[in-house]
Protein backbone atom coordinates (compact mmCIF):
# COMPACT_ATOMS: atom_id res chain seq x y z
CA MET A 1 98.74 -22.40 130.06
CA PRO A 2 98.17 -26.43 130.59
CA ALA A 3 94.73 -27.63 130.63
CA GLU A 4 93.78 -28.14 134.25
CA PRO A 5 93.44 -31.69 135.19
CA THR A 6 90.12 -32.85 135.50
CA PRO A 7 88.43 -35.95 137.47
CA ALA A 8 88.95 -39.32 135.88
CA ASP A 9 85.83 -40.87 133.94
CA PRO A 10 84.37 -43.67 136.24
CA GLU A 11 83.76 -45.50 132.94
CA ARG A 12 87.01 -45.33 131.95
CA ARG A 13 88.98 -46.41 135.17
CA SER A 14 91.36 -49.44 134.94
CA PRO A 15 91.34 -51.63 137.74
CA GLY A 16 94.63 -50.81 139.33
CA ASP A 17 92.81 -47.57 140.16
CA ALA A 18 90.74 -49.76 142.58
CA ALA A 19 93.74 -50.86 144.54
CA VAL A 20 94.78 -47.11 144.96
CA ARG A 21 91.67 -46.33 146.22
CA PRO A 22 90.00 -49.36 147.99
CA LEU A 23 86.12 -48.50 149.39
CA HIS A 24 85.82 -47.10 152.76
CA GLY A 25 85.14 -50.02 155.15
CA ASP A 26 87.86 -52.13 153.89
CA GLU A 27 90.04 -53.19 156.80
CA PRO A 28 93.18 -55.94 156.88
CA ARG A 29 91.85 -58.98 158.20
CA ALA A 30 93.47 -59.92 161.55
CA PRO A 31 96.07 -62.69 161.91
CA THR A 32 95.14 -66.29 163.37
CA PRO A 33 96.22 -67.53 166.43
CA ALA A 34 97.88 -70.25 163.51
CA GLU A 35 99.40 -67.25 161.51
CA LEU A 36 100.55 -66.18 164.47
CA LEU A 37 102.29 -68.90 165.65
CA GLY A 38 103.59 -69.26 162.03
CA ARG A 39 105.41 -65.89 162.58
CA ILE A 40 106.47 -66.35 166.14
CA ALA A 41 108.55 -69.46 165.05
CA LEU A 42 110.19 -67.06 162.67
CA GLY A 43 111.17 -64.66 165.51
CA ASP A 44 107.74 -61.97 165.33
CA GLU A 45 107.45 -60.29 168.59
CA ASP A 46 105.04 -58.51 166.98
CA ALA A 47 103.38 -61.59 166.24
CA PHE A 48 104.10 -62.43 170.04
CA SER A 49 102.36 -59.67 171.39
CA HIS A 50 99.53 -60.45 169.84
CA LEU A 51 99.27 -63.64 170.19
CA TYR A 52 99.66 -62.63 173.98
CA ASP A 53 96.47 -60.02 173.93
CA ASP A 54 94.32 -62.10 171.83
CA THR A 55 94.71 -65.42 174.14
CA ALA A 56 96.02 -64.65 177.49
CA PRO A 57 92.86 -64.14 179.37
CA LEU A 58 91.69 -67.45 178.07
CA LEU A 59 94.40 -69.74 178.78
CA PHE A 60 94.29 -67.58 182.69
CA GLY A 61 90.84 -68.92 183.19
CA LEU A 62 92.12 -71.58 182.07
CA ILE A 63 94.79 -72.11 184.52
CA ARG A 64 93.30 -70.22 187.38
CA ARG A 65 90.59 -73.11 187.65
CA VAL A 66 93.03 -75.52 188.00
CA VAL A 67 95.59 -73.63 190.25
CA ARG A 68 93.42 -71.63 192.03
CA ASP A 69 95.60 -68.88 193.43
CA VAL A 70 95.17 -65.66 191.54
CA ALA A 71 99.03 -64.95 192.10
CA MET A 72 100.41 -68.08 190.88
CA SER A 73 98.22 -68.41 187.73
CA GLU A 74 99.50 -65.52 186.80
CA GLU A 75 103.40 -66.65 186.56
CA VAL A 76 101.83 -70.07 185.48
CA LEU A 77 100.45 -67.76 182.63
CA GLN A 78 103.86 -66.27 181.89
CA GLU A 79 105.90 -69.76 181.87
CA VAL A 80 103.28 -71.03 179.16
CA PHE A 81 104.06 -67.84 177.35
CA VAL A 82 107.57 -68.70 177.40
CA GLU A 83 107.18 -71.87 176.11
CA VAL A 84 105.34 -71.27 173.33
CA TRP A 85 107.57 -68.57 172.01
CA ARG A 86 110.33 -71.22 172.28
CA GLN A 87 108.43 -74.11 170.91
CA ALA A 88 106.01 -72.27 168.06
CA THR A 89 108.09 -74.22 165.73
CA ARG A 90 106.79 -77.33 166.90
CA PHE A 91 102.92 -76.41 166.16
CA ASP A 92 101.54 -78.06 163.25
CA ALA A 93 97.85 -76.72 162.33
CA HIS A 94 97.11 -80.41 160.69
CA ARG A 95 96.46 -81.76 163.96
CA GLY A 96 94.92 -79.89 165.57
CA SER A 97 93.79 -75.78 166.34
CA ALA A 98 96.01 -73.28 167.76
CA ARG A 99 94.46 -72.49 170.57
CA GLY A 100 93.79 -76.20 171.45
CA TRP A 101 97.56 -76.24 170.94
CA LEU A 102 97.80 -73.72 173.09
CA CYS A 103 95.19 -74.68 176.02
CA THR A 104 96.99 -78.19 175.95
CA ILE A 105 100.22 -76.38 177.28
CA ALA A 106 98.58 -74.07 179.33
CA HIS A 107 96.75 -77.05 181.15
CA ARG A 108 99.63 -79.35 181.23
CA ARG A 109 101.66 -76.48 182.94
CA ALA A 110 98.56 -75.51 185.95
CA VAL A 111 98.39 -79.24 186.53
CA ASP A 112 102.37 -79.96 186.79
CA THR A 113 102.28 -76.96 189.07
CA VAL A 114 99.73 -77.91 191.68
CA ARG A 115 101.13 -81.18 191.67
CA SER A 116 104.98 -79.93 192.53
CA SER A 117 103.04 -77.77 194.87
CA GLU A 118 101.26 -81.04 196.24
CA ALA A 119 104.02 -82.56 196.84
CA ALA A 120 106.78 -79.72 198.34
CA ARG A 121 104.04 -79.13 200.77
CA ARG A 122 103.97 -83.23 201.43
CA ARG A 123 107.71 -83.29 201.81
CA ASP A 124 108.09 -80.22 204.11
CA SER A 125 105.74 -81.73 206.63
CA GLU A 126 103.97 -84.47 207.45
CA GLU A 127 100.59 -82.76 208.04
CA GLY A 128 98.76 -84.51 205.19
CA LEU A 129 99.48 -88.19 207.56
CA LEU A 130 98.21 -86.38 210.41
CA GLN A 131 94.90 -85.27 208.89
CA LEU A 132 93.74 -89.03 207.55
CA GLU A 133 95.21 -90.42 210.91
CA GLN A 134 93.10 -87.69 213.15
CA GLN A 135 90.24 -87.64 210.48
CA VAL A 136 89.56 -89.46 207.17
CA VAL A 137 86.08 -87.71 206.59
CA ASP A 138 83.69 -87.82 203.38
CA VAL A 139 80.22 -86.24 203.74
CA GLN A 140 79.03 -90.16 203.26
CA GLU A 141 81.91 -91.63 205.23
CA GLU A 142 81.63 -89.81 208.56
CA GLY A 143 82.82 -93.02 210.28
CA ILE A 144 86.14 -93.46 210.03
CA MET A 145 87.87 -91.14 212.60
CA ARG A 146 90.94 -90.41 214.61
CA VAL A 147 92.12 -93.94 213.23
CA GLU A 148 96.06 -94.96 214.20
CA SER A 149 98.73 -93.90 211.46
CA GLN A 150 100.20 -97.29 210.85
CA ARG A 151 96.10 -98.60 210.71
CA VAL A 152 95.52 -96.67 207.94
CA GLN A 153 98.94 -97.01 205.95
CA THR A 154 98.14 -100.69 206.03
CA ALA A 155 94.70 -100.28 204.52
CA MET A 156 96.25 -98.07 202.09
CA GLY A 157 98.06 -100.71 200.85
CA ALA A 158 94.67 -102.52 199.66
CA LEU A 159 93.07 -100.17 197.40
CA THR A 160 94.27 -99.61 193.54
CA SER A 161 97.10 -97.09 192.26
CA PRO A 162 93.85 -95.36 191.09
CA GLN A 163 92.19 -95.05 194.37
CA SER A 164 94.86 -94.16 196.44
CA GLU A 165 96.24 -91.17 194.11
CA ALA A 166 92.35 -90.13 194.14
CA ILE A 167 92.21 -90.37 198.03
CA ARG A 168 95.37 -88.73 198.84
CA LEU A 169 94.66 -85.70 196.85
CA ALA A 170 91.04 -85.67 198.49
CA TYR A 171 92.58 -86.29 202.35
CA PHE A 172 96.43 -85.01 202.01
CA GLY A 173 95.74 -82.33 199.66
CA GLY A 174 92.21 -81.52 200.71
CA TYR A 175 91.29 -80.92 197.41
CA SER A 176 87.29 -80.96 196.14
CA HIS A 177 85.88 -83.64 193.92
CA ARG A 178 86.28 -81.58 190.67
CA GLU A 179 89.71 -80.54 191.91
CA VAL A 180 90.48 -84.08 192.03
CA ALA A 181 89.27 -84.88 188.76
CA ALA A 182 91.14 -81.29 187.14
CA LEU A 183 94.77 -82.68 188.66
CA LEU A 184 94.90 -86.31 187.30
CA ASP A 185 92.56 -85.39 184.18
CA ILE A 186 89.20 -87.63 184.42
CA PRO A 187 86.06 -86.74 184.18
CA VAL A 188 84.65 -85.91 187.88
CA GLY A 189 82.64 -88.69 187.73
CA THR A 190 85.52 -90.56 187.91
CA ALA A 191 87.58 -89.28 190.06
CA LYS A 192 84.05 -89.28 192.79
CA THR A 193 83.72 -93.15 192.09
CA ARG A 194 87.76 -93.60 192.89
CA ILE A 195 87.13 -91.98 195.73
CA ARG A 196 84.11 -93.44 196.90
CA ASP A 197 85.28 -96.90 196.44
CA GLY A 198 88.60 -96.30 197.89
CA MET A 199 86.50 -95.52 201.04
CA ILE A 200 84.31 -98.10 200.99
CA VAL A 201 87.96 -100.23 201.14
CA LEU A 202 89.26 -98.55 203.96
CA ARG A 203 85.80 -98.75 206.23
CA ASP A 204 86.11 -102.27 205.65
CA ARG A 205 89.95 -102.61 206.06
CA LEU A 206 89.35 -100.56 209.78
CA GLY A 207 86.32 -102.45 210.63
CA VAL A 208 84.42 -99.15 210.65
CA THR A 209 80.70 -99.82 210.02
CA SER A 210 78.63 -96.81 208.76
């Protein structure tokens, strides 16, 4: 009868034995977003699902801060990942982080969506113009109210392009200073300055006293 096998002597195990029997607790390292993008560029759908699960909450939060509307934010998020799937080959880890690249796509999509929505509202109605004609009001600029349309448009012509853009978003679109800053991709302080300076010009042009 052949002898029964005996446990291997721990002192005589070969290095290969360790690979066959890894220590408890050793877990495979989760792939980084950059690695997942590399696999997505090759058409790996599992990597795409993994990347979505890992980064969707972050990107949705960024998008919603710009878009505000939850349903629209969800649509933008889907558009972002469609673009990621199509453009993954363009990601270059030497030029920045994967999360930064994803956030850039998400922010651009969100801003484009808001601008497009605002443009559609302006095309569909003259509500923005009526708002400005009837009441151009800011907390610190309550003197300009219910002014005539032609006078307002003439006065708007005296503004610089950045001032005009900021004021139209604030009063045609009804956006807050912070939202105007997000739409124009400028600091909040810069948005406030453009709106304030533009309102001063309008007040002077319209002959309204504080």
